[in-house]
Amino acid sequence: MISAAFIWEPRIYNDEFNELNALIEAAAVSTLGFLGVQCWTSEDGKRNNATYYWESVECRKALTTHPKHIKAKRRYAE
């Protein structure tokens, strides 16, 4: 099993951030070997975490070539 954790500060994000986040999540859950996701907020409320799990490194790497992930990353870079 392999995981990838995404950590961010909770606040009000604009619609574009939320759209990009949704694209990446959709890509993650649709990749071969996806096992699940766990989300939490720190006790002090200063950090959010979403940890995604896949069966193998190869399955995790498939996310980086998924069209939705590429689109989101390209838009983020803009």
C-alpha atoms as a PDB file:
ATOM      1  CA  MET A   1       0.000   0.000   0.000  1.00  0.00           C
ATOM      2  CA  ILE A   2       1.150   3.558  -0.782  1.00  0.00           C
ATOM      3  CA  SER A   3      -0.333   6.879   0.278  1.00  0.00           C
ATOM      4  CA  ALA A   4      -0.209  10.542  -0.664  1.00  0.00           C
ATOM      5  CA  ALA A   5      -1.149  13.227   1.844  1.00  0.00           C
ATOM      6  CA  PHE A   6      -2.411  16.682   0.935  1.00  0.00           C
ATOM      7  CA  ILE A   7      -2.230  19.227   3.761  1.00  0.00           C
ATOM      8  CA  TRP A   8      -3.679  22.736   3.672  1.00  0.00           C
ATOM      9  CA  GLU A   9      -4.833  25.506   5.955  1.00  0.00           C
ATOM     10  CA  PRO A  10      -8.592  25.756   6.383  1.00  0.00           C
ATOM     11  CA  ARG A  11     -10.073  28.999   5.131  1.00  0.00           C
ATOM     12  CA  ILE A  12     -12.573  30.159   2.584  1.00  0.00           C
ATOM     13  CA  TYR A  13     -11.211  29.286  -0.845  1.00  0.00           C
ATOM     14  CA  ASN A  14     -12.489  30.646  -4.126  1.00  0.00           C
ATOM     15  CA  ASP A  15     -14.560  28.616  -6.559  1.00  0.00           C
ATOM     16  CA  GLU A  16     -11.561  27.872  -8.781  1.00  0.00           C
ATOM     17  CA  PHE A  17      -9.627  26.268  -5.894  1.00  0.00           C
ATOM     18  CA  ASN A  18     -12.643  24.128  -5.034  1.00  0.00           C
ATOM     19  CA  GLU A  19     -13.047  23.130  -8.687  1.00  0.00           C
ATOM     20  CA  LEU A  20      -9.379  22.132  -8.973  1.00  0.00           C
ATOM     21  CA  ASN A  21      -9.610  20.189  -5.721  1.00  0.00           C
ATOM     22  CA  ALA A  22     -12.683  18.340  -7.026  1.00  0.00           C
ATOM     23  CA  LEU A  23     -10.880  17.475 -10.281  1.00  0.00           C
ATOM     24  CA  ILE A  24      -7.925  16.007  -8.419  1.00  0.00           C
ATOM     25  CA  GLU A  25     -10.183  14.005  -6.092  1.00  0.00           C
ATOM     26  CA  ALA A  26     -12.197  12.659  -9.045  1.00  0.00           C
ATOM     27  CA  ALA A  27      -8.957  11.624 -10.735  1.00  0.00           C
ATOM     28  CA  ALA A  28      -7.655   9.952  -7.576  1.00  0.00           C
ATOM     29  CA  VAL A  29     -10.750   7.858  -6.891  1.00  0.00           C
ATOM     30  CA  SER A  30     -11.011   6.737 -10.527  1.00  0.00           C
ATOM     31  CA  THR A  31      -7.433   5.438 -10.817  1.00  0.00           C
ATOM     32  CA  LEU A  32      -6.774   1.731 -10.859  1.00  0.00           C
ATOM     33  CA  GLY A  33      -5.817   0.438  -7.427  1.00  0.00           C
ATOM     34  CA  PHE A  34      -7.403   3.285  -5.444  1.00  0.00           C
ATOM     35  CA  LEU A  35      -8.265   2.009  -1.955  1.00  0.00           C
ATOM     36  CA  GLY A  36      -9.730   5.002  -0.152  1.00  0.00           C
ATOM     37  CA  VAL A  37      -9.221   8.362   1.459  1.00  0.00           C
ATOM     38  CA  GLN A  38      -9.156   9.615   5.041  1.00  0.00           C
ATOM     39  CA  CYS A  39      -9.699  13.292   5.856  1.00  0.00           C
ATOM     40  CA  TRP A  40      -9.216  15.123   9.118  1.00  0.00           C
ATOM     41  CA  THR A  41      -8.649  18.512  10.693  1.00  0.00           C
ATOM     42  CA  SER A  42      -6.052  19.042  13.409  1.00  0.00           C
ATOM     43  CA  GLU A  43      -7.295  19.544  16.965  1.00  0.00           C
ATOM     44  CA  ASP A  44      -6.353  23.221  16.868  1.00  0.00           C
ATOM     45  CA  GLY A  45      -8.220  23.629  13.553  1.00  0.00           C
ATOM     46  CA  LYS A  46      -5.149  25.005  11.759  1.00  0.00           C
ATOM     47  CA  ARG A  47      -4.548  22.138   9.291  1.00  0.00           C
ATOM     48  CA  ASN A  48      -6.654  19.905   7.067  1.00  0.00           C
ATOM     49  CA  ASN A  49      -5.331  16.621   5.748  1.00  0.00           C
ATOM     50  CA  ALA A  50      -6.598  14.293   3.031  1.00  0.00           C
ATOM     51  CA  THR A  51      -4.624  11.067   2.746  1.00  0.00           C
ATOM     52  CA  TYR A  52      -5.314   8.925  -0.328  1.00  0.00           C
ATOM     53  CA  TYR A  53      -4.365   5.229  -0.527  1.00  0.00           C
ATOM     54  CA  TRP A  54      -3.496   2.973  -3.485  1.00  0.00           C
ATOM     55  CA  GLU A  55      -2.501  -0.648  -3.811  1.00  0.00           C
ATOM     56  CA  SER A  56       0.982   0.113  -5.166  1.00  0.00           C
ATOM     57  CA  VAL A  57       3.427   2.803  -6.220  1.00  0.00           C
ATOM     58  CA  GLU A  58       2.507   2.143  -9.842  1.00  0.00           C
ATOM     59  CA  CYS A  59      -1.181   2.761  -9.096  1.00  0.00           C
ATOM     60  CA  ARG A  60      -0.319   5.989  -7.268  1.00  0.00           C
ATOM     61  CA  LYS A  61       1.821   7.131 -10.190  1.00  0.00           C
ATOM     62  CA  ALA A  62      -1.150   6.633 -12.496  1.00  0.00           C
ATOM     63  CA  LEU A  63      -2.772   9.648 -10.819  1.00  0.00           C
ATOM     64  CA  THR A  64      -0.057  11.952 -12.122  1.00  0.00           C
ATOM     65  CA  THR A  65      -0.866  10.981 -15.718  1.00  0.00           C
ATOM     66  CA  HIS A  66      -4.644  11.072 -15.313  1.00  0.00           C
ATOM     67  CA  PRO A  67      -6.173  13.738 -17.636  1.00  0.00           C
ATOM     68  CA  LYS A  68      -8.141  15.395 -14.802  1.00  0.00           C
ATOM     69  CA  HIS A  69      -5.036  15.636 -12.634  1.00  0.00           C
ATOM     70  CA  ILE A  70      -3.011  17.096 -15.503  1.00  0.00           C
ATOM     71  CA  LYS A  71      -5.758  19.663 -16.184  1.00  0.00           C
ATOM     72  CA  ALA A  72      -5.924  20.669 -12.527  1.00  0.00           C
ATOM     73  CA  LYS A  73      -2.149  20.984 -12.217  1.00  0.00           C
ATOM     74  CA  ARG A  74      -1.965  23.050 -15.414  1.00  0.00           C
ATOM     75  CA  ARG A  75      -4.666  25.404 -14.154  1.00  0.00           C
ATOM     76  CA  TYR A  76      -2.981  25.643 -10.756  1.00  0.00           C
ATOM     77  CA  ALA A  77       0.285  26.621 -12.425  1.00  0.00           C
ATOM     78  CA  GLU A  78      -1.498  29.442 -14.281  1.00  0.00           C
END
